[in-house]
Amino acid sequence: MKVDGGLGSDLTKVPGAAQELEAAGYSGAWTAETAHDPFFPLLIGAEHTKTLELGTSIAVAFARNPMTLANIGWDLQSYSQGRFMLGLGSQIKPHIEKRFSMEWSHPAARMREMILAIRAIWDCWQNGTKLDFRGDFYTHTLMTPFFTPDKGDLGNFGTPKIFLAGVGEKMTEVAGEVCDGFLCHGFTTERYLREVTIPALARGRAKAGKTMEGFELVGPSFVVTGANEDQMKAAAAGTRQQIAFYGSTPAYRGVLDLHGWGGLQDELNVLSKQGKWVEMGELIDDEILNTFAVVGEPETVAPELHTRYGDVIQRISFYAPYRTDPDRWRKVLADLQSA
């Protein structure tokens, strides 16, 4: 099992953070598109590391278009010498329309087309094929030598792997059909992963005439742990609020429904509109917390993650505070990687 960490968004701290992750033995590092651009830290991280894989988990796909993403992916893959992973997500309608002022419609079909368009652009640049992509949402038919990157940029590394995040079955099928891997949303339980996510991915792979062989799953990563009781309490409180935040989103209700907790989504949604974030977290009881998260002392984390996901995922995101007790956390990381 590959173990990845988080790179963060403070550009002044990225060099040290990336080097620390690489020195600790992490396989990769991910950035998220929240309050800052997700791509800039990866460029700096690539400059200061040699082996660490670098990816977005996630970049908001519908805030951009296939050409801009193709350019960014090409350049980061070139600069990192083959270590870049393009992780995309759709976000939800209010954010796309009201935060990014972009169009929203048919998200699964649009995402499928976007990824196919990116691949068509890369094929044009890498292999000299005529750019003639015509879809329902995106059309790319113009590419002149002046705007074509040097195909030697990528060396022998090839184009980046594309990962897609999702919760619903339609988006998950798209990932299986047109992507190289899937980013399991944090709001995913073991049961949902096995009963809903993996079958949907398999259906998508079948559409493309492929099996799950070589397809990477990046597993759920809610972990509540700490070196002492105070750290455990703080981690649990923060995780309860994060689970509640995701649970308030109508698009993710299916996960709660599977466990018989669908009514909780209504309560959380009402509280979210009132801005009662602390009260939302208080609705996440111990049963729900332990279903979504691995909870325990550091030494119990790896065995429990192996039990839940070891036979179905290839990567896990987990960040340990090494400065507090380097030897202890190094053992945890080694145990995770031993699967």
Protein backbone atom coordinates (compact mmCIF):
# COMPACT_ATOMS: atom_id res chain seq x y z
CA MET A 1 0.00 0.00 0.00
CA LYS A 2 1.36 3.40 -0.96
CA VAL A 3 1.00 6.03 1.74
CA ASP A 4 0.54 9.68 0.82
CA GLY A 5 0.57 12.85 2.87
CA GLY A 6 -0.72 16.38 2.50
CA LEU A 7 1.47 19.13 1.10
CA GLY A 8 -0.43 22.16 2.32
CA SER A 9 -1.01 25.47 0.56
CA ASP A 10 1.46 27.83 2.27
CA LEU A 11 4.00 28.27 -0.51
CA THR A 12 6.70 29.40 1.91
CA LYS A 13 6.44 26.09 3.78
CA VAL A 14 6.11 23.76 0.81
CA PRO A 15 9.86 23.11 0.28
CA GLY A 16 10.33 21.88 3.85
CA ALA A 17 7.05 20.00 3.95
CA ALA A 18 7.77 18.17 0.70
CA GLN A 19 11.28 17.24 1.78
CA GLU A 20 10.00 16.02 5.15
CA LEU A 21 7.43 13.77 3.48
CA GLU A 22 10.01 12.33 1.11
CA ALA A 23 12.54 11.75 3.91
CA ALA A 24 9.88 10.04 6.03
CA GLY A 25 9.19 7.54 3.26
CA TYR A 26 5.88 8.76 1.90
CA SER A 27 5.06 7.73 -1.67
CA GLY A 28 3.16 10.88 -2.61
CA ALA A 29 1.73 14.20 -1.53
CA TRP A 30 -1.63 15.72 -2.41
CA THR A 31 -2.94 19.27 -2.45
CA ALA A 32 -6.57 20.38 -2.24
CA GLU A 33 -8.36 23.28 -3.89
CA THR A 34 -9.85 25.12 -0.94
CA ALA A 35 -8.63 28.65 -0.17
CA HIS A 36 -5.65 28.52 -2.54
CA ASP A 37 -4.65 27.26 -5.97
CA PRO A 38 -3.82 23.54 -5.83
CA PHE A 39 -1.16 23.51 -8.55
CA PHE A 40 1.43 26.04 -7.37
CA PRO A 41 2.53 23.97 -4.33
CA LEU A 42 3.14 20.98 -6.58
CA LEU A 43 5.55 22.93 -8.76
CA ILE A 44 7.55 23.95 -5.72
CA GLY A 45 7.31 20.45 -4.28
CA ALA A 46 8.68 18.99 -7.49
CA GLU A 47 11.62 21.37 -7.35
CA HIS A 48 12.63 20.24 -3.87
CA THR A 49 12.11 16.46 -4.14
CA LYS A 50 13.29 13.62 -6.34
CA THR A 51 10.94 10.67 -5.86
CA LEU A 52 7.76 12.02 -4.23
CA GLU A 53 4.68 11.70 -6.44
CA LEU A 54 2.62 14.88 -6.52
CA GLY A 55 -1.08 15.29 -7.19
CA THR A 56 -4.24 17.30 -6.71
CA SER A 57 -6.99 15.86 -4.52
CA ILE A 58 -8.78 17.63 -5.89
CA ALA A 59 -8.63 20.40 -8.47
CA VAL A 60 -12.09 21.66 -9.40
CA ALA A 61 -12.56 20.49 -12.97
CA PHE A 62 -15.57 22.60 -13.89
CA ALA A 63 -13.82 25.79 -12.78
CA ARG A 64 -11.55 25.27 -15.81
CA ASN A 65 -11.67 23.88 -19.33
CA PRO A 66 -9.88 20.93 -20.94
CA MET A 67 -7.23 23.07 -22.63
CA THR A 68 -6.11 24.82 -19.44
CA LEU A 69 -5.99 21.53 -17.56
CA ALA A 70 -4.07 19.89 -20.41
CA ASN A 71 -1.48 22.68 -20.30
CA ILE A 72 -1.09 22.53 -16.52
CA GLY A 73 -0.87 18.75 -16.51
CA TRP A 74 1.68 18.69 -19.34
CA ASP A 75 3.95 21.25 -17.67
CA LEU A 76 3.82 19.70 -14.20
CA GLN A 77 4.47 16.24 -15.62
CA SER A 78 7.44 17.58 -17.53
CA TYR A 79 8.91 19.55 -14.64
CA SER A 80 8.44 16.75 -12.10
CA GLN A 81 9.86 14.18 -14.54
CA GLY A 82 6.79 12.00 -14.54
CA ARG A 83 5.63 12.39 -10.94
CA PHE A 84 2.44 14.41 -11.44
CA MET A 85 -1.08 13.02 -10.89
CA LEU A 86 -4.04 15.08 -12.11
CA GLY A 87 -6.82 14.54 -9.58
CA LEU A 88 -10.14 16.13 -10.52
CA GLY A 89 -13.49 16.62 -8.86
CA SER A 90 -16.75 18.20 -9.93
CA GLN A 91 -17.64 20.22 -6.81
CA ILE A 92 -21.36 20.92 -6.37
CA LYS A 93 -23.65 23.16 -8.40
CA PRO A 94 -23.78 26.21 -6.06
CA HIS A 95 -20.00 26.47 -5.99
CA ILE A 96 -19.59 26.11 -9.75
CA GLU A 97 -22.28 28.67 -10.56
CA LYS A 98 -21.98 31.10 -7.65
CA ARG A 99 -18.31 30.87 -6.64
CA PHE A 100 -16.64 30.20 -9.98
CA SER A 101 -19.32 31.70 -12.27
CA MET A 102 -19.11 28.70 -14.58
CA GLU A 103 -21.72 26.53 -16.25
CA TRP A 104 -23.18 23.47 -14.51
CA SER A 105 -25.11 20.71 -16.23
CA HIS A 106 -25.06 16.91 -16.49
CA PRO A 107 -21.97 16.59 -14.26
CA ALA A 108 -21.12 12.95 -14.98
CA ALA A 109 -21.47 13.30 -18.75
CA ARG A 110 -19.61 16.62 -18.70
CA MET A 111 -16.77 15.14 -16.65
CA ARG A 112 -16.44 12.16 -18.98
CA GLU A 113 -16.21 14.49 -21.95
CA MET A 114 -13.73 16.80 -20.21
CA ILE A 115 -11.33 13.96 -19.49
CA LEU A 116 -11.63 12.58 -23.02
CA ALA A 117 -10.94 16.08 -24.36
CA ILE A 118 -7.81 16.42 -22.19
CA ARG A 119 -6.57 13.09 -23.51
CA ALA A 120 -7.29 14.16 -27.09
CA ILE A 121 -5.26 17.34 -26.59
CA TRP A 122 -2.37 15.40 -25.08
CA ASP A 123 -2.52 12.93 -27.96
CA CYS A 124 -2.26 15.81 -30.41
CA TRP A 125 0.78 17.23 -28.65
CA GLN A 126 2.51 13.95 -28.02
CA ASN A 127 1.76 12.02 -31.19
CA GLY A 128 0.97 14.73 -33.74
CA THR A 129 -2.62 13.60 -34.31
CA LYS A 130 -5.05 16.18 -35.65
CA LEU A 131 -7.00 17.87 -32.88
CA ASP A 132 -10.63 17.23 -33.74
CA PHE A 133 -12.57 16.79 -30.53
CA ARG A 134 -16.27 17.57 -30.84
CA GLY A 135 -18.57 16.95 -27.91
CA ASP A 136 -21.77 18.17 -26.35
CA PHE A 137 -19.95 20.39 -23.84
CA TYR A 138 -16.45 20.94 -25.22
CA THR A 139 -15.08 21.42 -28.71
CA HIS A 140 -11.36 21.59 -29.50
CA THR A 141 -10.48 21.71 -33.18
CA LEU A 142 -7.68 24.30 -33.45
CA MET A 143 -4.03 23.63 -32.65
CA THR A 144 -1.18 25.28 -34.53
CA PRO A 145 2.57 24.67 -34.10
CA PHE A 146 2.94 27.98 -32.22
CA PHE A 147 0.66 26.69 -29.43
CA THR A 148 1.93 23.09 -29.40
CA PRO A 149 4.37 22.11 -26.64
CA ASP A 150 7.53 20.25 -27.59
CA LYS A 151 6.67 16.57 -27.38
CA GLY A 152 10.14 15.99 -25.99
CA ASP A 153 9.10 17.80 -22.81
CA LEU A 154 7.77 14.59 -21.33
CA GLY A 155 10.78 12.47 -22.21
CA ASN A 156 9.89 8.83 -21.60
CA PHE A 157 7.47 9.60 -18.79
CA GLY A 158 4.25 9.78 -20.78
CA THR A 159 1.26 11.92 -19.97
CA PRO A 160 0.01 12.22 -16.37
CA LYS A 161 -2.33 9.76 -14.76
CA ILE A 162 -5.82 11.16 -14.28
CA PHE A 163 -7.72 10.45 -11.07
CA LEU A 164 -11.32 11.36 -10.40
CA ALA A 165 -13.11 11.84 -7.10
CA GLY A 166 -16.74 10.96 -6.66
CA VAL A 167 -19.46 9.61 -4.43
CA GLY A 168 -22.44 9.00 -6.70
CA GLU A 169 -22.58 5.94 -8.94
CA LYS A 170 -22.70 7.83 -12.26
CA MET A 171 -19.53 9.83 -11.57
CA THR A 172 -17.84 6.72 -10.20
CA GLU A 173 -18.63 4.81 -13.39
CA VAL A 174 -17.07 7.64 -15.39
CA ALA A 175 -13.89 7.27 -13.35
CA GLY A 176 -13.75 3.58 -14.11
CA GLU A 177 -14.30 4.16 -17.81
CA VAL A 178 -11.90 7.01 -18.61
CA CYS A 179 -9.48 7.44 -15.68
CA ASP A 180 -6.40 5.75 -14.27
CA GLY A 181 -7.54 5.88 -10.67
CA PHE A 182 -10.26 6.92 -8.25
CA LEU A 183 -10.05 9.22 -5.24
CA CYS A 184 -12.45 7.89 -2.64
CA HIS A 185 -14.19 10.80 -0.98
CA GLY A 186 -13.53 11.09 2.74
CA PHE A 187 -17.27 10.65 3.19
CA THR A 188 -16.99 6.97 2.27
CA THR A 189 -17.43 4.01 4.56
CA GLU A 190 -16.06 0.52 4.08
CA ARG A 191 -19.55 -0.76 3.34
CA TYR A 192 -20.25 1.96 0.78
CA LEU A 193 -16.87 1.35 -0.86
CA ARG A 194 -17.49 -2.38 -1.23
CA GLU A 195 -21.20 -2.34 -2.06
CA VAL A 196 -21.47 0.79 -4.22
CA THR A 197 -18.14 2.30 -5.26
CA ILE A 198 -16.21 -0.74 -6.45
CA PRO A 199 -19.13 -2.26 -8.43
CA ALA A 200 -19.65 1.12 -10.15
CA LEU A 201 -15.95 1.35 -11.02
CA ALA A 202 -16.06 -2.19 -12.40
CA ARG A 203 -19.02 -1.30 -14.60
CA GLY A 204 -17.12 1.68 -15.95
CA ARG A 205 -14.04 -0.42 -16.63
CA ALA A 206 -16.20 -2.95 -18.45
CA LYS A 207 -17.58 -0.19 -20.71
CA ALA A 208 -14.01 0.54 -21.74
CA GLY A 209 -13.22 -3.15 -22.21
CA LYS A 210 -10.91 -3.16 -19.20
CA THR A 211 -10.64 -4.88 -15.83
CA MET A 212 -9.66 -3.36 -12.48
CA GLU A 213 -6.09 -4.52 -13.08
CA GLY A 214 -3.73 -1.54 -12.86
CA PHE A 215 -6.48 0.84 -11.72
CA GLU A 216 -5.54 2.68 -8.51
CA LEU A 217 -7.93 3.34 -5.64
CA VAL A 218 -6.92 6.01 -3.17
CA GLY A 219 -8.71 5.11 0.02
CA PRO A 220 -10.79 7.04 2.54
CA SER A 221 -8.62 8.76 5.11
CA PHE A 222 -10.57 9.86 8.19
CA VAL A 223 -8.24 8.90 11.03
CA VAL A 224 -8.70 9.95 14.66
CA THR A 225 -5.50 9.42 16.58
CA GLY A 226 -3.01 11.22 18.75
CA ALA A 227 -0.15 10.83 21.17
CA ASN A 228 -2.30 11.63 24.22
CA GLU A 229 -5.90 12.04 25.36
CA ASP A 230 -6.08 15.75 24.55
CA GLN A 231 -4.87 15.16 20.98
CA MET A 232 -7.40 12.34 20.56
CA LYS A 233 -10.26 14.55 21.75
CA ALA A 234 -9.26 17.37 19.44
CA ALA A 235 -8.94 15.01 16.47
CA ALA A 236 -12.34 13.46 17.22
CA ALA A 237 -14.06 16.83 17.50
CA GLY A 238 -12.59 18.06 14.23
CA THR A 239 -13.48 14.83 12.44
CA ARG A 240 -17.06 14.89 13.72
CA GLN A 241 -17.48 18.39 12.29
CA GLN A 242 -15.97 17.36 8.96
CA ILE A 243 -18.26 14.33 8.70
CA ALA A 244 -21.21 16.55 9.57
CA PHE A 245 -20.22 19.11 6.94
CA TYR A 246 -20.12 16.45 4.22
CA GLY A 247 -23.27 14.82 5.56
CA SER A 248 -25.21 18.06 5.12
CA THR A 249 -24.69 17.88 1.34
CA PRO A 250 -27.69 16.35 -0.48
CA ALA A 251 -25.45 14.80 -3.12
CA TYR A 252 -23.83 12.60 -0.46
CA ARG A 253 -27.03 11.38 1.15
CA GLY A 254 -26.71 7.96 -0.45
CA VAL A 255 -23.89 7.05 1.93
CA LEU A 256 -26.06 7.82 4.95
CA ASP A 257 -29.06 6.06 3.41
CA LEU A 258 -27.05 2.86 3.02
CA HIS A 259 -26.47 2.82 6.78
CA GLY A 260 -30.02 3.82 7.69
CA TRP A 261 -29.03 7.34 8.69
CA GLY A 262 -30.73 9.25 5.87
CA GLY A 263 -32.77 11.39 8.25
CA LEU A 264 -29.54 12.81 9.66
CA GLN A 265 -28.89 14.51 6.35
CA ASP A 266 -32.03 16.62 6.72
CA GLU A 267 -31.02 17.76 10.20
CA LEU A 268 -27.48 18.58 9.14
CA ASN A 269 -28.64 20.48 6.09
CA VAL A 270 -30.94 22.69 8.15
CA LEU A 271 -28.18 23.46 10.66
CA SER A 272 -25.67 24.18 7.89
CA LYS A 273 -27.95 26.88 6.49
CA GLN A 274 -28.00 28.42 9.95
CA GLY A 275 -24.21 28.29 10.22
CA LYS A 276 -24.34 26.05 13.30
CA TRP A 277 -21.17 24.08 12.54
CA VAL A 278 -20.40 23.07 16.13
CA GLU A 279 -23.95 21.83 16.71
CA MET A 280 -23.70 19.80 13.50
CA GLY A 281 -20.65 17.99 14.81
CA GLU A 282 -22.48 17.11 18.01
CA LEU A 283 -24.97 15.06 15.95
CA ILE A 284 -22.19 12.69 14.88
CA ASP A 285 -22.30 10.05 17.60
CA ASP A 286 -19.62 7.45 18.34
CA GLU A 287 -21.21 4.83 16.08
CA ILE A 288 -21.17 7.18 13.09
CA LEU A 289 -17.67 8.42 13.91
CA ASN A 290 -16.27 4.89 14.10
CA THR A 291 -18.00 3.92 10.87
CA PHE A 292 -16.44 6.74 8.87
CA ALA A 293 -13.11 6.97 10.71
CA VAL A 294 -10.42 4.76 12.12
CA VAL A 295 -10.25 5.73 15.79
CA GLY A 296 -7.46 4.67 18.11
CA GLU A 297 -3.89 5.09 19.29
CA PRO A 298 -1.27 5.39 16.53
CA GLU A 299 -0.25 1.73 16.74
CA THR A 300 -3.81 0.61 16.00
CA VAL A 301 -4.22 2.70 12.85
CA ALA A 302 -2.35 0.51 10.38
CA PRO A 303 -3.94 -2.81 11.43
CA GLU A 304 -7.44 -1.31 11.27
CA LEU A 305 -6.87 0.32 7.86
CA HIS A 306 -5.51 -3.00 6.58
CA THR A 307 -8.57 -4.81 7.91
CA ARG A 308 -11.01 -2.40 6.33
CA TYR A 309 -9.34 -1.63 3.02
CA GLY A 310 -6.13 -3.61 2.55
CA ASP A 311 -7.53 -5.91 -0.12
CA VAL A 312 -9.16 -3.21 -2.25
CA ILE A 313 -7.12 0.01 -2.18
CA GLN A 314 -3.63 0.74 -3.44
CA ARG A 315 -2.99 4.11 -1.79
CA ILE A 316 -4.01 5.71 1.50
CA SER A 317 -3.70 9.32 2.59
CA PHE A 318 -2.37 9.71 6.09
CA TYR A 319 -0.35 12.47 7.67
CA ALA A 320 1.52 11.91 10.92
CA PRO A 321 2.98 14.70 13.08
CA TYR A 322 6.55 13.41 12.97
CA ARG A 323 8.06 16.12 15.12
CA THR A 324 6.11 14.95 18.20
CA ASP A 325 7.61 11.43 18.26
CA PRO A 326 9.55 10.52 15.09
CA ASP A 327 10.26 6.89 15.98
CA ARG A 328 6.65 6.13 16.89
CA TRP A 329 5.19 7.64 13.73
CA ARG A 330 7.87 6.05 11.54
CA LYS A 331 6.72 2.65 12.78
CA VAL A 332 3.10 3.53 11.96
CA LEU A 333 4.07 4.51 8.42
CA ALA A 334 6.10 1.33 7.94
CA ASP A 335 3.14 -0.75 9.13
CA LEU A 336 0.85 0.97 6.63
CA GLN A 337 3.25 0.32 3.79
CA SER A 338 3.71 -3.33 4.67
CA ALA A 339 0.36 -4.42 3.21
